[in-house]
Amino acid sequence: MDLMIQSQLAENIDGGVLLDVSADDLNVRAYVVIASVDLNIVEKLIPVSVFESGVQVHVAGIQSNTDIAEEVIQILENMSPQDIVVYFCENALVYGETLAVLGIKH
C-alpha cells in the first residue's frame, strides 16, 4: 500500500518529537525518539489516561540495517484511527530518515 503521509509537529519531547500523522484517511499520533526500545520510556511518554482509554499503543525499534521506510509504513498500515506509535530510532541518522518518511524535514 502506498500511503500519502503528512505530519505536523505537535510537541518537542525529551529525545525527540510528538507528531500528528495523517496517512491517507488514518489519523494517529507518533512519538519519534532517539533511544533503544524501552517500555519504561513508553510509560513516561504516554499519559496513563491514554492506556486506560483503550487506545492501541504500537512500539517499533527502527535500526539502520533495515529498510526504514518499509518499517515505518508497515506499522502505520496496521494501525487504527487514534492509535499511538512510538518509533525508537537507533541513532540520529535513523531518526532523521524516520521523520522524512513521516513527512517532516528535520
Protein backbone atom coordinates (compact mmCIF):
# COMPACT_ATOMS: atom_id res chain seq x y z
CA MET A 1 0.00 0.00 0.00
CA ASP A 2 1.32 3.45 -0.92
CA LEU A 3 0.34 5.87 1.80
CA MET A 4 0.27 9.64 1.38
CA ILE A 5 1.87 10.60 4.69
CA GLN A 6 1.84 14.10 6.16
CA SER A 7 2.76 15.09 9.68
CA GLN A 8 2.71 18.14 11.88
CA LEU A 9 4.87 18.74 14.91
CA ALA A 10 2.64 18.59 17.98
CA GLU A 11 5.35 18.89 20.63
CA ASN A 12 9.08 18.62 21.26
CA ILE A 13 9.78 15.93 23.85
CA ASP A 14 12.88 14.59 25.57
CA GLY A 15 14.96 12.90 22.89
CA GLY A 16 12.55 13.53 20.05
CA VAL A 17 9.19 14.79 18.90
CA LEU A 18 5.48 14.04 19.05
CA LEU A 19 3.76 14.21 15.67
CA ASP A 20 0.19 14.28 14.46
CA VAL A 21 0.32 11.96 11.46
CA SER A 22 -2.14 11.68 8.57
CA ALA A 23 -1.68 8.69 6.29
CA ASP A 24 -4.50 8.73 3.76
CA ASP A 25 -7.64 8.54 5.96
CA LEU A 26 -5.71 7.44 9.06
CA ASN A 27 -5.00 9.99 11.80
CA VAL A 28 -2.65 8.87 14.56
CA ARG A 29 -0.01 10.25 16.91
CA ALA A 30 3.62 9.24 16.62
CA TYR A 31 6.38 9.66 19.16
CA VAL A 32 9.76 9.57 17.41
CA VAL A 33 12.72 9.34 19.77
CA ILE A 34 16.41 8.50 19.65
CA ALA A 35 16.71 5.63 22.13
CA SER A 36 16.81 1.87 22.44
CA VAL A 37 13.43 0.19 22.74
CA ASP A 38 12.43 0.61 26.37
CA LEU A 39 8.91 0.13 27.72
CA ASN A 40 9.76 2.38 30.68
CA ILE A 41 10.22 5.24 28.22
CA VAL A 42 6.85 4.44 26.65
CA GLU A 43 5.23 4.68 30.09
CA LYS A 44 6.90 8.06 30.68
CA LEU A 45 5.92 9.47 27.28
CA ILE A 46 2.29 8.43 27.17
CA PRO A 47 -0.14 9.55 29.86
CA VAL A 48 -1.82 6.81 31.92
CA SER A 49 -5.21 8.09 30.74
CA VAL A 50 -4.31 7.04 27.18
CA PHE A 51 -3.60 3.46 28.26
CA GLU A 52 -6.85 3.43 30.25
CA SER A 53 -8.85 4.71 27.26
CA GLY A 54 -8.27 1.52 25.29
CA VAL A 55 -6.28 3.19 22.52
CA GLN A 56 -3.75 0.79 20.99
CA VAL A 57 -0.11 1.71 21.55
CA HIS A 58 2.35 0.34 18.98
CA VAL A 59 6.10 0.21 19.62
CA ALA A 60 8.76 -0.13 16.93
CA GLY A 61 12.53 -0.24 17.03
CA ILE A 62 13.93 1.31 13.85
CA GLN A 63 17.52 0.38 13.02
CA SER A 64 19.94 1.49 10.33
CA ASN A 65 20.34 -2.01 8.88
CA THR A 66 16.68 -2.21 7.81
CA ASP A 67 14.52 -0.54 5.16
CA ILE A 68 13.41 2.38 7.33
CA ALA A 69 10.57 3.46 5.06
CA GLU A 70 9.18 -0.08 4.94
CA GLU A 71 9.38 -0.43 8.75
CA VAL A 72 7.65 2.90 9.40
CA ILE A 73 4.91 2.30 6.83
CA GLN A 74 4.29 -1.29 7.93
CA ILE A 75 3.42 -0.07 11.42
CA LEU A 76 1.09 2.63 10.05
CA GLU A 77 -0.70 0.09 7.86
CA ASN A 78 -1.54 -1.94 10.97
CA MET A 79 -2.92 0.96 12.97
CA SER A 80 -6.46 2.15 13.57
CA PRO A 81 -7.58 5.79 13.84
CA GLN A 82 -6.47 7.46 17.07
CA ASP A 83 -3.83 4.79 17.82
CA ILE A 84 -0.39 5.83 19.01
CA VAL A 85 3.00 4.61 17.85
CA VAL A 86 6.39 5.06 19.46
CA TYR A 87 9.27 4.81 17.00
CA PHE A 88 12.53 4.16 18.84
CA CYS A 89 15.34 5.22 16.49
CA GLU A 90 18.77 3.67 16.86
CA ASN A 91 20.66 6.92 16.17
CA ALA A 92 20.32 10.45 14.80
CA LEU A 93 20.60 9.31 11.17
CA VAL A 94 17.77 6.80 11.60
CA TYR A 95 15.78 9.48 13.45
CA GLY A 96 16.14 11.89 10.53
CA GLU A 97 15.17 9.24 7.99
CA THR A 98 12.15 8.20 10.06
CA LEU A 99 10.99 11.81 10.24
CA ALA A 100 11.46 12.15 6.47
CA VAL A 101 9.24 9.10 5.86
CA LEU A 102 6.63 10.70 8.10
CA GLY A 103 6.77 13.90 6.04
CA ILE A 104 8.92 16.05 8.33
CA LYS A 105 12.08 17.71 7.07
CA HIS A 106 14.44 17.74 10.05
